[in-house]
């Protein structure tokens, strides 16, 4: 996925406080290979849904940690410190300043992420 225009980044907050969060329809209706939707705001962070197919680019977030937690499917989180094979109900936290990229070699993965609400998902190379 070298063309960043193929990334569908929905940074708007989809669900308000005390509103039921449901992702079934978002997952079902998604037609993009690489999709992010901010679900809700938690203090200065957001809970974000990712629907991933294929490869993202290697990048980092200088000032932001990032959590990846797989709900469905499998993904490899490649980092400068080694790779993490993550299956359903598994995740990891990437510390700020660490080069990383999610890769889904087959099928798609449904992933929850926790990150600062001001983060740029594209990151820096």
N, C-alpha and C. Protein backbone atom coordinates (compact mmCIF):
# COMPACT_ATOMS: atom_id res chain seq x y z
N UNK A 1 0.84 -1.18 0.00
CA UNK A 1 0.00 0.00 0.00
C UNK A 1 0.88 1.25 0.00
N UNK A 2 1.53 1.54 -1.07
CA UNK A 2 2.41 2.69 -1.13
C UNK A 2 1.62 3.98 -1.30
N UNK A 3 0.44 3.94 -1.89
CA UNK A 3 -0.36 5.12 -2.11
C UNK A 3 -1.19 5.42 -0.87
N UNK A 4 -0.80 6.45 -0.11
CA UNK A 4 -1.48 6.76 1.12
C UNK A 4 -2.93 7.17 0.90
N UNK A 5 -3.31 7.53 -0.31
CA UNK A 5 -4.69 7.88 -0.60
C UNK A 5 -5.62 6.67 -0.48
N UNK A 6 -5.07 5.49 -0.44
CA UNK A 6 -5.88 4.29 -0.27
C UNK A 6 -6.26 4.05 1.18
N UNK A 7 -5.75 4.87 2.10
CA UNK A 7 -6.08 4.73 3.51
C UNK A 7 -7.32 5.56 3.79
N UNK A 8 -8.36 4.95 4.34
CA UNK A 8 -9.56 5.68 4.70
C UNK A 8 -9.50 5.95 6.20
N UNK A 9 -9.14 7.16 6.57
CA UNK A 9 -8.93 7.55 7.97
C UNK A 9 -10.10 8.41 8.43
N UNK A 10 -11.01 7.86 9.20
CA UNK A 10 -12.15 8.60 9.74
C UNK A 10 -11.81 9.04 11.16
N UNK A 11 -11.38 10.28 11.31
CA UNK A 11 -10.91 10.79 12.59
C UNK A 11 -12.05 11.34 13.46
N UNK A 12 -13.24 11.51 12.88
CA UNK A 12 -14.37 12.00 13.67
C UNK A 12 -14.74 10.97 14.73
N UNK A 13 -15.27 11.43 15.84
CA UNK A 13 -15.71 10.55 16.92
C UNK A 13 -17.10 10.03 16.57
N UNK A 14 -17.24 8.73 16.43
CA UNK A 14 -18.50 8.11 15.99
C UNK A 14 -19.53 8.02 17.12
N UNK A 15 -19.09 7.75 18.34
CA UNK A 15 -20.02 7.53 19.46
C UNK A 15 -19.72 8.50 20.59
N UNK A 16 -20.78 9.07 21.15
CA UNK A 16 -20.66 10.02 22.25
C UNK A 16 -20.63 9.28 23.58
N UNK A 17 -20.36 10.02 24.65
CA UNK A 17 -20.41 9.45 25.99
C UNK A 17 -21.79 8.86 26.25
N UNK A 18 -21.83 7.77 26.97
CA UNK A 18 -23.07 7.07 27.35
C UNK A 18 -23.91 6.66 26.14
N UNK A 19 -23.24 6.42 25.03
CA UNK A 19 -23.88 5.89 23.83
C UNK A 19 -23.30 4.49 23.59
N UNK A 20 -24.16 3.56 23.26
CA UNK A 20 -23.71 2.19 23.00
C UNK A 20 -22.77 2.17 21.79
N UNK A 21 -21.62 1.54 21.96
CA UNK A 21 -20.64 1.41 20.88
C UNK A 21 -20.86 0.06 20.23
N UNK A 22 -21.16 0.08 18.95
CA UNK A 22 -21.32 -1.17 18.20
C UNK A 22 -20.59 -1.04 16.87
N UNK A 23 -19.83 -2.08 16.53
CA UNK A 23 -19.02 -2.00 15.31
C UNK A 23 -19.50 -2.95 14.21
N UNK A 24 -20.49 -3.76 14.50
CA UNK A 24 -20.96 -4.77 13.54
C UNK A 24 -21.28 -4.16 12.17
N UNK A 25 -22.04 -3.07 12.15
CA UNK A 25 -22.43 -2.46 10.87
C UNK A 25 -21.24 -1.81 10.17
N UNK A 26 -20.33 -1.22 10.94
CA UNK A 26 -19.15 -0.60 10.34
C UNK A 26 -18.31 -1.67 9.64
N UNK A 27 -18.10 -2.79 10.31
CA UNK A 27 -17.32 -3.88 9.73
C UNK A 27 -18.02 -4.44 8.50
N UNK A 28 -19.31 -4.68 8.60
CA UNK A 28 -20.08 -5.26 7.50
C UNK A 28 -20.07 -4.37 6.27
N UNK A 29 -20.22 -3.05 6.47
CA UNK A 29 -20.36 -2.12 5.35
C UNK A 29 -19.03 -1.62 4.78
N UNK A 30 -17.92 -1.94 5.42
CA UNK A 30 -16.63 -1.45 4.96
C UNK A 30 -16.22 -2.08 3.63
N UNK A 31 -15.76 -1.24 2.71
CA UNK A 31 -15.29 -1.72 1.40
C UNK A 31 -13.82 -1.36 1.15
N UNK A 32 -13.17 -0.79 2.14
CA UNK A 32 -11.79 -0.33 1.98
C UNK A 32 -10.81 -1.38 2.49
N UNK A 33 -9.64 -1.43 1.86
CA UNK A 33 -8.59 -2.35 2.31
C UNK A 33 -7.94 -1.87 3.59
N UNK A 34 -7.92 -0.57 3.80
CA UNK A 34 -7.29 -0.02 5.00
C UNK A 34 -8.18 1.08 5.55
N UNK A 35 -8.85 0.80 6.69
CA UNK A 35 -9.88 1.68 7.23
C UNK A 35 -9.68 1.90 8.72
N UNK A 36 -9.79 3.15 9.16
CA UNK A 36 -9.77 3.52 10.58
C UNK A 36 -10.99 4.35 10.89
N UNK A 37 -11.62 4.10 12.03
CA UNK A 37 -12.72 4.93 12.51
C UNK A 37 -12.53 5.17 14.00
N UNK A 38 -12.46 6.44 14.40
CA UNK A 38 -12.42 6.75 15.83
C UNK A 38 -13.79 6.45 16.41
N UNK A 39 -13.82 5.62 17.44
CA UNK A 39 -15.09 5.20 18.02
C UNK A 39 -15.54 6.13 19.14
N UNK A 40 -14.66 6.40 20.11
CA UNK A 40 -15.03 7.27 21.22
C UNK A 40 -13.78 7.91 21.80
N UNK A 41 -14.02 8.96 22.55
CA UNK A 41 -12.95 9.69 23.21
C UNK A 41 -12.89 9.25 24.67
N UNK A 42 -11.68 9.02 25.16
CA UNK A 42 -11.45 8.65 26.55
C UNK A 42 -10.35 9.57 27.08
N UNK A 43 -10.75 10.58 27.86
CA UNK A 43 -9.81 11.59 28.32
C UNK A 43 -9.08 12.19 27.12
N UNK A 44 -7.78 12.07 27.03
CA UNK A 44 -7.05 12.64 25.90
C UNK A 44 -6.70 11.60 24.83
N UNK A 45 -7.39 10.45 24.89
CA UNK A 45 -7.14 9.37 23.93
C UNK A 45 -8.42 9.05 23.16
N UNK A 46 -8.26 8.20 22.14
CA UNK A 46 -9.41 7.68 21.41
C UNK A 46 -9.29 6.16 21.32
N UNK A 47 -10.45 5.52 21.27
CA UNK A 47 -10.55 4.11 20.92
C UNK A 47 -10.89 4.10 19.45
N UNK A 48 -10.05 3.43 18.66
CA UNK A 48 -10.21 3.46 17.21
C UNK A 48 -10.37 2.04 16.69
N UNK A 49 -11.23 1.88 15.70
CA UNK A 49 -11.43 0.61 15.01
C UNK A 49 -10.60 0.61 13.73
N UNK A 50 -9.87 -0.48 13.50
CA UNK A 50 -9.14 -0.64 12.25
C UNK A 50 -9.62 -1.89 11.55
N UNK A 51 -9.84 -1.78 10.25
CA UNK A 51 -10.15 -2.93 9.40
C UNK A 51 -9.03 -2.96 8.38
N UNK A 52 -8.18 -3.98 8.50
CA UNK A 52 -6.92 -4.02 7.77
C UNK A 52 -6.87 -5.19 6.80
N UNK A 53 -6.38 -4.92 5.60
CA UNK A 53 -6.05 -5.95 4.61
C UNK A 53 -4.75 -5.53 3.94
N UNK A 54 -3.79 -6.42 3.85
CA UNK A 54 -2.54 -6.11 3.17
C UNK A 54 -1.52 -5.48 4.09
N UNK A 55 -0.76 -4.52 3.55
CA UNK A 55 0.37 -3.93 4.26
C UNK A 55 0.21 -2.42 4.39
N UNK A 56 0.52 -1.91 5.55
CA UNK A 56 0.63 -0.47 5.79
C UNK A 56 2.10 -0.11 5.58
N UNK A 57 2.41 1.16 5.55
CA UNK A 57 3.81 1.57 5.40
C UNK A 57 4.50 1.61 6.78
N UNK A 58 5.80 1.46 6.78
CA UNK A 58 6.59 1.56 8.01
C UNK A 58 6.60 3.04 8.43
N UNK A 59 6.32 3.28 9.72
CA UNK A 59 6.23 4.64 10.22
C UNK A 59 6.42 4.66 11.73
N UNK A 60 6.43 5.85 12.30
CA UNK A 60 6.50 5.99 13.75
C UNK A 60 5.71 7.22 14.18
N UNK A 61 5.43 7.28 15.47
CA UNK A 61 4.77 8.42 16.08
C UNK A 61 5.72 8.92 17.16
N UNK A 62 6.35 10.06 16.91
CA UNK A 62 7.41 10.57 17.78
C UNK A 62 6.97 10.76 19.23
N UNK A 63 5.73 11.21 19.43
CA UNK A 63 5.30 11.58 20.78
C UNK A 63 4.16 10.73 21.32
N UNK A 64 3.81 9.64 20.62
CA UNK A 64 2.60 8.89 20.99
C UNK A 64 2.83 7.39 21.04
N UNK A 65 2.43 6.77 22.16
CA UNK A 65 2.34 5.32 22.23
C UNK A 65 1.08 4.90 21.48
N UNK A 66 1.01 3.62 21.11
CA UNK A 66 -0.16 3.12 20.37
C UNK A 66 -0.39 1.65 20.73
N UNK A 67 -1.63 1.32 21.05
CA UNK A 67 -2.01 -0.06 21.36
C UNK A 67 -2.74 -0.65 20.17
N UNK A 68 -2.40 -1.89 19.82
CA UNK A 68 -3.12 -2.67 18.80
C UNK A 68 -3.67 -3.91 19.50
N UNK A 69 -4.96 -4.18 19.33
CA UNK A 69 -5.59 -5.35 19.93
C UNK A 69 -6.52 -6.00 18.91
N UNK A 70 -6.23 -7.23 18.52
CA UNK A 70 -6.96 -7.92 17.46
C UNK A 70 -8.25 -8.54 17.99
N UNK A 71 -9.37 -8.20 17.36
CA UNK A 71 -10.66 -8.81 17.68
C UNK A 71 -10.93 -10.01 16.79
N UNK A 72 -10.62 -9.87 15.49
CA UNK A 72 -10.85 -10.95 14.53
C UNK A 72 -9.69 -10.99 13.55
N UNK A 73 -9.35 -12.18 13.08
CA UNK A 73 -8.30 -12.34 12.10
C UNK A 73 -6.93 -12.42 12.73
N UNK A 74 -5.92 -12.29 11.89
CA UNK A 74 -4.52 -12.36 12.31
C UNK A 74 -3.76 -11.22 11.66
N UNK A 75 -2.79 -10.70 12.37
CA UNK A 75 -1.92 -9.69 11.78
C UNK A 75 -0.51 -9.82 12.35
N UNK A 76 0.42 -9.30 11.61
CA UNK A 76 1.80 -9.22 12.06
C UNK A 76 2.08 -7.75 12.29
N UNK A 77 2.57 -7.41 13.45
CA UNK A 77 3.00 -6.05 13.71
C UNK A 77 4.52 -6.06 13.60
N UNK A 78 5.02 -5.52 12.49
CA UNK A 78 6.46 -5.44 12.28
C UNK A 78 6.98 -4.20 12.99
N UNK A 79 8.04 -4.37 13.77
CA UNK A 79 8.66 -3.23 14.44
C UNK A 79 10.17 -3.29 14.26
N UNK A 80 10.82 -2.19 14.54
CA UNK A 80 12.28 -2.16 14.47
C UNK A 80 12.91 -3.05 15.53
N UNK A 81 12.12 -3.49 16.50
CA UNK A 81 12.61 -4.35 17.58
C UNK A 81 12.16 -5.79 17.45
N UNK A 82 11.64 -6.16 16.29
CA UNK A 82 11.14 -7.51 16.07
C UNK A 82 9.67 -7.50 15.70
N UNK A 83 9.19 -8.66 15.28
CA UNK A 83 7.81 -8.77 14.82
C UNK A 83 6.94 -9.48 15.85
N UNK A 84 5.67 -9.11 15.88
CA UNK A 84 4.69 -9.72 16.77
C UNK A 84 3.59 -10.32 15.92
N UNK A 85 3.39 -11.62 16.02
CA UNK A 85 2.26 -12.28 15.37
C UNK A 85 1.10 -12.23 16.34
N UNK A 86 0.05 -11.53 15.94
CA UNK A 86 -1.10 -11.32 16.81
C UNK A 86 -2.33 -11.98 16.22
N UNK A 87 -2.96 -12.83 17.02
CA UNK A 87 -4.21 -13.46 16.63
C UNK A 87 -5.36 -12.87 17.43
N UNK A 88 -6.51 -13.50 17.30
CA UNK A 88 -7.70 -13.04 17.99
C UNK A 88 -7.44 -12.92 19.49
N UNK A 89 -7.88 -11.80 20.06
CA UNK A 89 -7.76 -11.49 21.49
C UNK A 89 -6.32 -11.29 21.95
N UNK A 90 -5.44 -10.91 21.02
CA UNK A 90 -4.06 -10.61 21.37
C UNK A 90 -3.70 -9.20 20.91
N UNK A 91 -2.78 -8.58 21.62
CA UNK A 91 -2.37 -7.23 21.25
C UNK A 91 -1.02 -6.89 21.81
N UNK A 92 -0.58 -5.68 21.53
CA UNK A 92 0.67 -5.17 22.06
C UNK A 92 0.64 -3.65 22.03
N UNK A 93 1.53 -3.06 22.81
CA UNK A 93 1.67 -1.61 22.86
C UNK A 93 2.98 -1.22 22.21
N UNK A 94 2.91 -0.30 21.26
CA UNK A 94 4.11 0.19 20.58
C UNK A 94 4.50 1.52 21.24
N UNK A 95 5.72 1.59 21.80
CA UNK A 95 6.13 2.84 22.44
C UNK A 95 6.43 3.94 21.42
N UNK A 96 6.22 5.17 21.84
CA UNK A 96 6.47 6.31 20.96
C UNK A 96 7.89 6.25 20.39
N UNK A 97 8.01 6.72 19.15
CA UNK A 97 9.31 6.76 18.50
C UNK A 97 9.76 5.45 17.88
N UNK A 98 8.94 4.40 17.95
CA UNK A 98 9.30 3.08 17.42
C UNK A 98 8.74 2.89 16.01
N UNK A 99 9.61 2.58 15.07
CA UNK A 99 9.16 2.28 13.70
C UNK A 99 8.32 1.00 13.73
N UNK A 100 7.18 1.02 13.03
CA UNK A 100 6.28 -0.14 13.03
C UNK A 100 5.35 -0.08 11.83
N UNK A 101 4.74 -1.23 11.55
CA UNK A 101 3.70 -1.28 10.54
C UNK A 101 2.89 -2.56 10.72
N UNK A 102 1.57 -2.45 10.63
CA UNK A 102 0.72 -3.64 10.63
C UNK A 102 0.71 -4.28 9.25
N UNK A 103 0.72 -5.60 9.22
CA UNK A 103 0.65 -6.37 7.99
C UNK A 103 -0.37 -7.49 8.19
N UNK A 104 -1.29 -7.60 7.25
CA UNK A 104 -2.28 -8.69 7.28
C UNK A 104 -2.07 -9.48 5.99
N UNK A 105 -1.31 -10.59 6.05
CA UNK A 105 -0.93 -11.31 4.84
C UNK A 105 -2.08 -12.03 4.14
N UNK A 106 -3.13 -12.39 4.90
CA UNK A 106 -4.27 -13.06 4.25
C UNK A 106 -5.55 -12.65 4.96
N UNK A 107 -6.58 -12.45 4.16
CA UNK A 107 -7.86 -12.05 4.72
C UNK A 107 -7.82 -10.65 5.27
N UNK A 108 -8.64 -10.42 6.29
CA UNK A 108 -8.64 -9.10 6.93
C UNK A 108 -8.61 -9.28 8.44
N UNK A 109 -8.19 -8.24 9.12
CA UNK A 109 -8.14 -8.23 10.58
C UNK A 109 -8.98 -7.07 11.08
N UNK A 110 -9.72 -7.32 12.14
CA UNK A 110 -10.50 -6.29 12.83
C UNK A 110 -9.73 -5.98 14.12
N UNK A 111 -9.30 -4.73 14.25
CA UNK A 111 -8.36 -4.36 15.30
C UNK A 111 -8.87 -3.14 16.06
N UNK A 112 -8.74 -3.17 17.39
CA UNK A 112 -8.98 -1.97 18.19
C UNK A 112 -7.64 -1.34 18.50
N UNK A 113 -7.61 -0.01 18.47
CA UNK A 113 -6.39 0.74 18.80
C UNK A 113 -6.73 1.79 19.84
N UNK A 114 -5.80 2.03 20.73
CA UNK A 114 -5.92 3.13 21.67
C UNK A 114 -4.73 4.04 21.41
N UNK A 115 -5.03 5.32 21.20
CA UNK A 115 -3.97 6.28 20.90
C UNK A 115 -4.43 7.69 21.25
N UNK A 116 -3.50 8.62 21.35
CA UNK A 116 -3.87 10.01 21.62
C UNK A 116 -4.78 10.52 20.52
N UNK A 117 -5.77 11.34 20.89
CA UNK A 117 -6.74 11.78 19.90
C UNK A 117 -6.12 12.68 18.83
N UNK A 118 -4.99 13.30 19.08
CA UNK A 118 -4.36 14.16 18.09
C UNK A 118 -3.38 13.44 17.18
N UNK A 119 -3.24 12.14 17.33
CA UNK A 119 -2.25 11.39 16.55
C UNK A 119 -2.59 11.41 15.06
N UNK A 120 -1.58 11.44 14.24
CA UNK A 120 -1.75 11.28 12.80
C UNK A 120 -1.47 9.81 12.49
N UNK A 121 -2.51 9.02 12.11
CA UNK A 121 -2.30 7.59 11.86
C UNK A 121 -1.26 7.30 10.79
N UNK A 122 -1.04 8.24 9.88
CA UNK A 122 -0.04 8.05 8.83
C UNK A 122 1.36 8.03 9.44
N UNK A 123 1.58 8.79 10.52
CA UNK A 123 2.88 8.83 11.18
C UNK A 123 3.94 9.50 10.33
N UNK A 124 5.19 9.33 10.74
CA UNK A 124 6.32 9.85 9.97
C UNK A 124 7.22 8.68 9.59
N UNK A 125 7.87 8.83 8.47
CA UNK A 125 8.73 7.77 7.96
C UNK A 125 10.14 7.92 8.50
